[in-house]
Amino acid sequence: MPTDNANSAHHPPMLLEVVRDRIRAKHYSRRTEQFYTGWIRRFVNFYHKKHPREISAPEVEAFLTDLAVNGKVSAATQSQALSALLFLYR
């Protein structure tokens, strides 16, 4: 009977797993990890779970605009979301 570890070897890591690994490799704080992964999850869900590779720059801008206009978030919160997305795309 295969173990979970054997099964995990057969699928590529999930996006948020990769993001967490990179955040930890850069020694960012646990709080930053929580914020970044939260914003990335919200961004992907905004586009109905489309992979970020398939989301264009104008769509990123539309997401950030939607946060300000419809989400009525503060400039600081919008900036935090932008930082998470910059991390994701870099």
Protein backbone atom coordinates (compact mmCIF):
# COMPACT_ATOMS: atom_id res chain seq x y z
CA MET A 1 0.00 0.00 0.00
CA PRO A 2 1.58 3.34 -1.02
CA THR A 3 2.20 5.99 1.59
CA ASP A 4 1.28 9.66 1.36
CA ASN A 5 4.93 10.47 0.69
CA ALA A 6 4.95 8.14 -2.30
CA ASN A 7 1.81 9.78 -3.67
CA SER A 8 3.16 13.28 -3.17
CA ALA A 9 6.15 12.41 -5.35
CA HIS A 10 3.77 11.98 -8.29
CA HIS A 11 2.25 15.44 -8.30
CA PRO A 12 3.90 18.82 -8.65
CA PRO A 13 3.83 21.00 -5.53
CA MET A 14 0.81 23.23 -5.17
CA LEU A 15 1.28 26.94 -5.76
CA LEU A 16 0.97 27.95 -2.11
CA GLU A 17 3.42 25.21 -1.07
CA VAL A 18 5.99 26.68 -3.46
CA VAL A 19 5.29 30.20 -2.19
CA ARG A 20 5.67 29.10 1.45
CA ASP A 21 8.95 27.34 0.67
CA ARG A 22 10.36 30.46 -1.00
CA ILE A 23 9.17 32.74 1.80
CA ARG A 24 10.84 30.47 4.37
CA ALA A 25 14.03 30.25 2.30
CA LYS A 26 14.20 34.06 2.44
CA HIS A 27 13.63 33.97 6.22
CA TYR A 28 10.56 36.18 6.11
CA SER A 29 8.48 36.33 9.28
CA ARG A 30 5.62 33.90 9.89
CA ARG A 31 3.25 36.90 9.81
CA THR A 32 4.50 37.92 6.35
CA GLU A 33 4.02 34.33 5.19
CA GLN A 34 0.42 34.41 6.44
CA PHE A 35 -0.32 37.74 4.80
CA TYR A 36 1.30 36.86 1.47
CA THR A 37 -0.32 33.44 1.17
CA GLY A 38 -3.67 34.93 2.19
CA TRP A 39 -3.49 37.62 -0.48
CA ILE A 40 -2.29 35.16 -3.12
CA ARG A 41 -5.17 32.81 -2.28
CA ARG A 42 -7.64 35.71 -2.49
CA PHE A 43 -6.15 36.80 -5.84
CA VAL A 44 -6.37 33.30 -7.35
CA ASN A 45 -9.93 32.89 -6.08
CA PHE A 46 -10.86 36.28 -7.54
CA TYR A 47 -10.01 34.81 -10.95
CA HIS A 48 -11.87 31.55 -10.26
CA LYS A 49 -8.71 29.57 -9.43
CA LYS A 50 -6.96 30.41 -12.68
CA HIS A 51 -3.19 29.85 -12.34
CA PRO A 52 -1.24 33.13 -11.96
CA ARG A 53 0.72 32.27 -15.13
CA GLU A 54 -2.55 32.77 -16.99
CA ILE A 55 -3.38 36.11 -15.34
CA SER A 56 -2.20 39.20 -17.21
CA ALA A 57 -0.84 42.47 -15.82
CA PRO A 58 -4.11 44.33 -16.57
CA GLU A 59 -5.95 41.64 -14.58
CA VAL A 60 -3.59 42.17 -11.65
CA GLU A 61 -4.35 45.88 -11.81
CA ALA A 62 -8.08 45.13 -11.99
CA PHE A 63 -7.81 43.01 -8.83
CA LEU A 64 -6.01 45.79 -6.94
CA THR A 65 -8.53 48.35 -8.18
CA ASP A 66 -11.39 46.12 -7.10
CA LEU A 67 -9.88 45.94 -3.61
CA ALA A 68 -9.93 49.72 -3.35
CA VAL A 69 -13.26 50.38 -5.05
CA ASN A 70 -15.47 47.45 -4.07
CA GLY A 71 -13.52 46.12 -1.11
CA LYS A 72 -12.97 49.62 0.26
CA VAL A 73 -9.59 48.61 1.67
CA SER A 74 -7.13 51.20 2.90
CA ALA A 75 -4.10 52.24 0.86
CA ALA A 76 -1.89 50.30 3.29
CA THR A 77 -3.92 47.13 2.79
CA GLN A 78 -3.84 47.55 -0.98
CA SER A 79 -0.07 48.04 -0.76
CA GLN A 80 0.24 44.83 1.24
CA ALA A 81 -1.71 42.94 -1.44
CA LEU A 82 0.55 44.45 -4.10
CA SER A 83 3.65 43.31 -2.19
CA ALA A 84 2.29 39.76 -2.03
CA LEU A 85 1.61 39.75 -5.77
CA LEU A 86 5.03 41.18 -6.56
CA PHE A 87 6.57 38.38 -4.49
CA LEU A 88 4.46 35.83 -6.36
CA TYR A 89 5.47 37.05 -9.80
CA ARG A 90 9.14 37.53 -9.01
